[in-house]
Amino acid sequence: MNKEKLLEFYNLHRGGINGALVGFAAATVILLIGIFKTLFLAICIGTGYYVGKRLSEDKDYIKNLLDRVLPPGSYR
């Protein structure tokens, strides 16, 4: 296939193609390492995404989080 037709096909079916790739990757990981390790991995990825997103929005997010969790001044 030429490149233009392939890009046109991808743009028309982007959601289905991406969903199939994510499903294939998830099934492969589950088969290779097991369901509980995969769930742990997904939780870690989700947590990392959340913290990274918050950190990019608010540069003092980690400092504010530590102020709420730890006694004041204990991490400095």
N, C-alpha and C. Protein backbone atom coordinates (compact mmCIF):
# COMPACT_ATOMS: atom_id res chain seq x y z
N MET A 1 0.84 -1.19 0.00
CA MET A 1 0.00 0.00 0.00
C MET A 1 0.88 1.24 0.00
N ASN A 2 0.38 2.28 -0.61
CA ASN A 2 1.18 3.48 -0.54
C ASN A 2 0.85 4.24 0.74
N LYS A 3 1.73 5.14 1.10
CA LYS A 3 1.67 5.82 2.39
C LYS A 3 0.41 6.67 2.56
N GLU A 4 -0.03 7.34 1.50
CA GLU A 4 -1.20 8.21 1.60
C GLU A 4 -2.47 7.41 1.89
N LYS A 5 -2.62 6.26 1.23
CA LYS A 5 -3.80 5.42 1.46
C LYS A 5 -3.79 4.85 2.88
N LEU A 6 -2.61 4.49 3.35
CA LEU A 6 -2.50 3.95 4.70
C LEU A 6 -2.86 5.02 5.74
N LEU A 7 -2.36 6.24 5.56
CA LEU A 7 -2.70 7.33 6.48
C LEU A 7 -4.19 7.67 6.42
N GLU A 8 -4.77 7.63 5.23
CA GLU A 8 -6.20 7.90 5.09
C GLU A 8 -7.02 6.82 5.80
N PHE A 9 -6.62 5.56 5.65
CA PHE A 9 -7.30 4.47 6.34
C PHE A 9 -7.19 4.63 7.85
N TYR A 10 -5.99 4.98 8.32
CA TYR A 10 -5.79 5.17 9.76
C TYR A 10 -6.65 6.31 10.27
N ASN A 11 -6.69 7.42 9.55
CA ASN A 11 -7.48 8.56 10.00
C ASN A 11 -8.98 8.25 10.03
N LEU A 12 -9.45 7.40 9.13
CA LEU A 12 -10.86 7.02 9.12
C LEU A 12 -11.21 6.06 10.25
N HIS A 13 -10.25 5.24 10.67
CA HIS A 13 -10.51 4.19 11.67
C HIS A 13 -9.58 4.31 12.87
N ARG A 14 -9.24 5.51 13.25
CA ARG A 14 -8.27 5.76 14.32
C ARG A 14 -8.66 5.11 15.64
N GLY A 15 -9.90 5.32 16.08
CA GLY A 15 -10.35 4.77 17.36
C GLY A 15 -10.30 3.26 17.41
N GLY A 16 -10.76 2.63 16.35
CA GLY A 16 -10.76 1.16 16.31
C GLY A 16 -9.36 0.59 16.27
N ILE A 17 -8.48 1.21 15.51
CA ILE A 17 -7.10 0.73 15.41
C ILE A 17 -6.39 0.90 16.74
N ASN A 18 -6.52 2.08 17.34
CA ASN A 18 -5.87 2.31 18.64
C ASN A 18 -6.43 1.39 19.72
N GLY A 19 -7.74 1.19 19.72
CA GLY A 19 -8.35 0.29 20.69
C GLY A 19 -7.88 -1.14 20.52
N ALA A 20 -7.75 -1.58 19.28
CA ALA A 20 -7.26 -2.93 19.02
C ALA A 20 -5.82 -3.08 19.47
N LEU A 21 -5.00 -2.07 19.24
CA LEU A 21 -3.59 -2.13 19.68
C LEU A 21 -3.47 -2.16 21.20
N VAL A 22 -4.28 -1.34 21.88
CA VAL A 22 -4.27 -1.34 23.35
C VAL A 22 -4.75 -2.69 23.88
N GLY A 23 -5.82 -3.23 23.29
CA GLY A 23 -6.32 -4.53 23.71
C GLY A 23 -5.31 -5.64 23.48
N PHE A 24 -4.63 -5.60 22.35
CA PHE A 24 -3.60 -6.59 22.06
C PHE A 24 -2.45 -6.48 23.06
N ALA A 25 -2.02 -5.26 23.35
CA ALA A 25 -0.92 -5.06 24.31
C ALA A 25 -1.33 -5.54 25.70
N ALA A 26 -2.57 -5.23 26.12
CA ALA A 26 -3.04 -5.66 27.43
C ALA A 26 -3.13 -7.18 27.51
N ALA A 27 -3.65 -7.81 26.47
CA ALA A 27 -3.75 -9.27 26.47
C ALA A 27 -2.37 -9.92 26.50
N THR A 28 -1.43 -9.36 25.77
CA THR A 28 -0.07 -9.90 25.76
C THR A 28 0.58 -9.80 27.13
N VAL A 29 0.43 -8.64 27.77
CA VAL A 29 1.02 -8.46 29.10
C VAL A 29 0.36 -9.40 30.11
N ILE A 30 -0.95 -9.55 30.05
CA ILE A 30 -1.65 -10.45 30.98
C ILE A 30 -1.18 -11.89 30.78
N LEU A 31 -1.03 -12.31 29.55
CA LEU A 31 -0.58 -13.68 29.29
C LEU A 31 0.87 -13.89 29.72
N LEU A 32 1.69 -12.86 29.57
CA LEU A 32 3.11 -13.03 29.90
C LEU A 32 3.40 -12.94 31.40
N ILE A 33 2.77 -12.00 32.12
CA ILE A 33 3.15 -11.81 33.52
C ILE A 33 2.02 -12.08 34.50
N GLY A 34 0.79 -12.25 34.04
CA GLY A 34 -0.32 -12.57 34.93
C GLY A 34 -1.18 -11.36 35.21
N ILE A 35 -2.38 -11.64 35.73
CA ILE A 35 -3.38 -10.59 35.91
C ILE A 35 -3.03 -9.64 37.05
N PHE A 36 -2.53 -10.15 38.18
CA PHE A 36 -2.27 -9.28 39.32
C PHE A 36 -1.07 -8.38 39.09
N LYS A 37 -0.04 -8.91 38.45
CA LYS A 37 1.10 -8.07 38.11
C LYS A 37 0.71 -7.01 37.08
N THR A 38 -0.18 -7.38 36.16
CA THR A 38 -0.66 -6.43 35.17
C THR A 38 -1.49 -5.34 35.84
N LEU A 39 -2.35 -5.71 36.78
CA LEU A 39 -3.13 -4.71 37.52
C LEU A 39 -2.23 -3.78 38.30
N PHE A 40 -1.20 -4.32 38.96
CA PHE A 40 -0.25 -3.49 39.68
C PHE A 40 0.45 -2.53 38.74
N LEU A 41 0.85 -3.02 37.59
CA LEU A 41 1.49 -2.19 36.58
C LEU A 41 0.56 -1.08 36.11
N ALA A 42 -0.70 -1.40 35.89
CA ALA A 42 -1.68 -0.40 35.45
C ALA A 42 -1.90 0.66 36.52
N ILE A 43 -1.95 0.24 37.79
CA ILE A 43 -2.11 1.20 38.89
C ILE A 43 -0.91 2.13 38.97
N CYS A 44 0.29 1.57 38.83
CA CYS A 44 1.50 2.41 38.86
C CYS A 44 1.54 3.38 37.69
N ILE A 45 1.15 2.92 36.52
CA ILE A 45 1.12 3.80 35.34
C ILE A 45 0.09 4.91 35.54
N GLY A 46 -1.08 4.56 36.03
CA GLY A 46 -2.12 5.56 36.28
C GLY A 46 -1.69 6.59 37.32
N THR A 47 -1.06 6.12 38.39
CA THR A 47 -0.57 7.03 39.42
C THR A 47 0.52 7.95 38.86
N GLY A 48 1.42 7.39 38.09
CA GLY A 48 2.47 8.20 37.48
C GLY A 48 1.91 9.23 36.53
N TYR A 49 0.90 8.86 35.75
CA TYR A 49 0.26 9.81 34.85
C TYR A 49 -0.39 10.94 35.64
N TYR A 50 -1.11 10.58 36.70
CA TYR A 50 -1.81 11.58 37.51
C TYR A 50 -0.83 12.57 38.14
N VAL A 51 0.23 12.03 38.76
CA VAL A 51 1.22 12.90 39.41
C VAL A 51 1.93 13.76 38.37
N GLY A 52 2.29 13.18 37.24
CA GLY A 52 2.95 13.94 36.18
C GLY A 52 2.08 15.05 35.63
N LYS A 53 0.80 14.75 35.45
CA LYS A 53 -0.13 15.77 34.96
C LYS A 53 -0.29 16.90 35.96
N ARG A 54 -0.45 16.54 37.22
CA ARG A 54 -0.59 17.57 38.26
C ARG A 54 0.68 18.39 38.40
N LEU A 55 1.83 17.74 38.27
CA LEU A 55 3.10 18.44 38.39
C LEU A 55 3.30 19.41 37.23
N SER A 56 2.85 19.05 36.04
CA SER A 56 2.98 19.96 34.91
C SER A 56 2.02 21.15 35.03
N GLU A 57 0.90 20.97 35.73
CA GLU A 57 -0.04 22.07 35.95
C GLU A 57 0.39 22.97 37.10
N ASP A 58 0.96 22.37 38.16
CA ASP A 58 1.33 23.12 39.36
C ASP A 58 2.73 22.70 39.77
N LYS A 59 3.70 23.58 39.61
CA LYS A 59 5.10 23.24 39.90
C LYS A 59 5.35 22.94 41.37
N ASP A 60 4.50 23.44 42.26
CA ASP A 60 4.67 23.20 43.70
C ASP A 60 3.79 22.05 44.20
N TYR A 61 3.32 21.19 43.30
CA TYR A 61 2.41 20.11 43.69
C TYR A 61 3.06 19.16 44.68
N ILE A 62 4.30 18.74 44.43
CA ILE A 62 4.97 17.79 45.33
C ILE A 62 5.18 18.42 46.70
N LYS A 63 5.61 19.68 46.73
CA LYS A 63 5.82 20.36 48.00
C LYS A 63 4.50 20.47 48.77
N ASN A 64 3.43 20.83 48.09
CA ASN A 64 2.12 20.94 48.75
C ASN A 64 1.62 19.58 49.22
N LEU A 65 1.86 18.55 48.43
CA LEU A 65 1.47 17.20 48.82
C LEU A 65 2.23 16.76 50.07
N LEU A 66 3.53 17.00 50.09
CA LEU A 66 4.33 16.63 51.26
C LEU A 66 3.92 17.44 52.49
N ASP A 67 3.54 18.70 52.31
CA ASP A 67 3.05 19.50 53.44
C ASP A 67 1.78 18.90 54.04
N ARG A 68 0.93 18.33 53.19
CA ARG A 68 -0.31 17.73 53.69
C ARG A 68 -0.07 16.37 54.34
N VAL A 69 0.91 15.61 53.85
CA VAL A 69 1.11 14.23 54.32
C VAL A 69 2.05 14.18 55.51
N LEU A 70 3.17 14.88 55.44
CA LEU A 70 4.18 14.82 56.49
C LEU A 70 4.01 15.99 57.46
N PRO A 71 4.60 15.86 58.64
CA PRO A 71 4.59 17.00 59.57
C PRO A 71 5.31 18.18 58.91
N PRO A 72 4.88 19.39 59.21
CA PRO A 72 5.47 20.57 58.57
C PRO A 72 6.99 20.66 58.77
N GLY A 73 7.70 20.91 57.68
CA GLY A 73 9.14 21.11 57.73
C GLY A 73 9.98 19.86 57.85
N SER A 74 9.40 18.67 57.83
CA SER A 74 10.19 17.46 58.06
C SER A 74 10.92 16.98 56.82
N TYR A 75 10.57 17.45 55.64
CA TYR A 75 11.21 16.98 54.42
C TYR A 75 12.23 17.96 53.88
N ARG A 76 12.38 19.10 54.48
CA ARG A 76 13.32 20.12 53.98
C ARG A 76 14.66 19.97 54.62
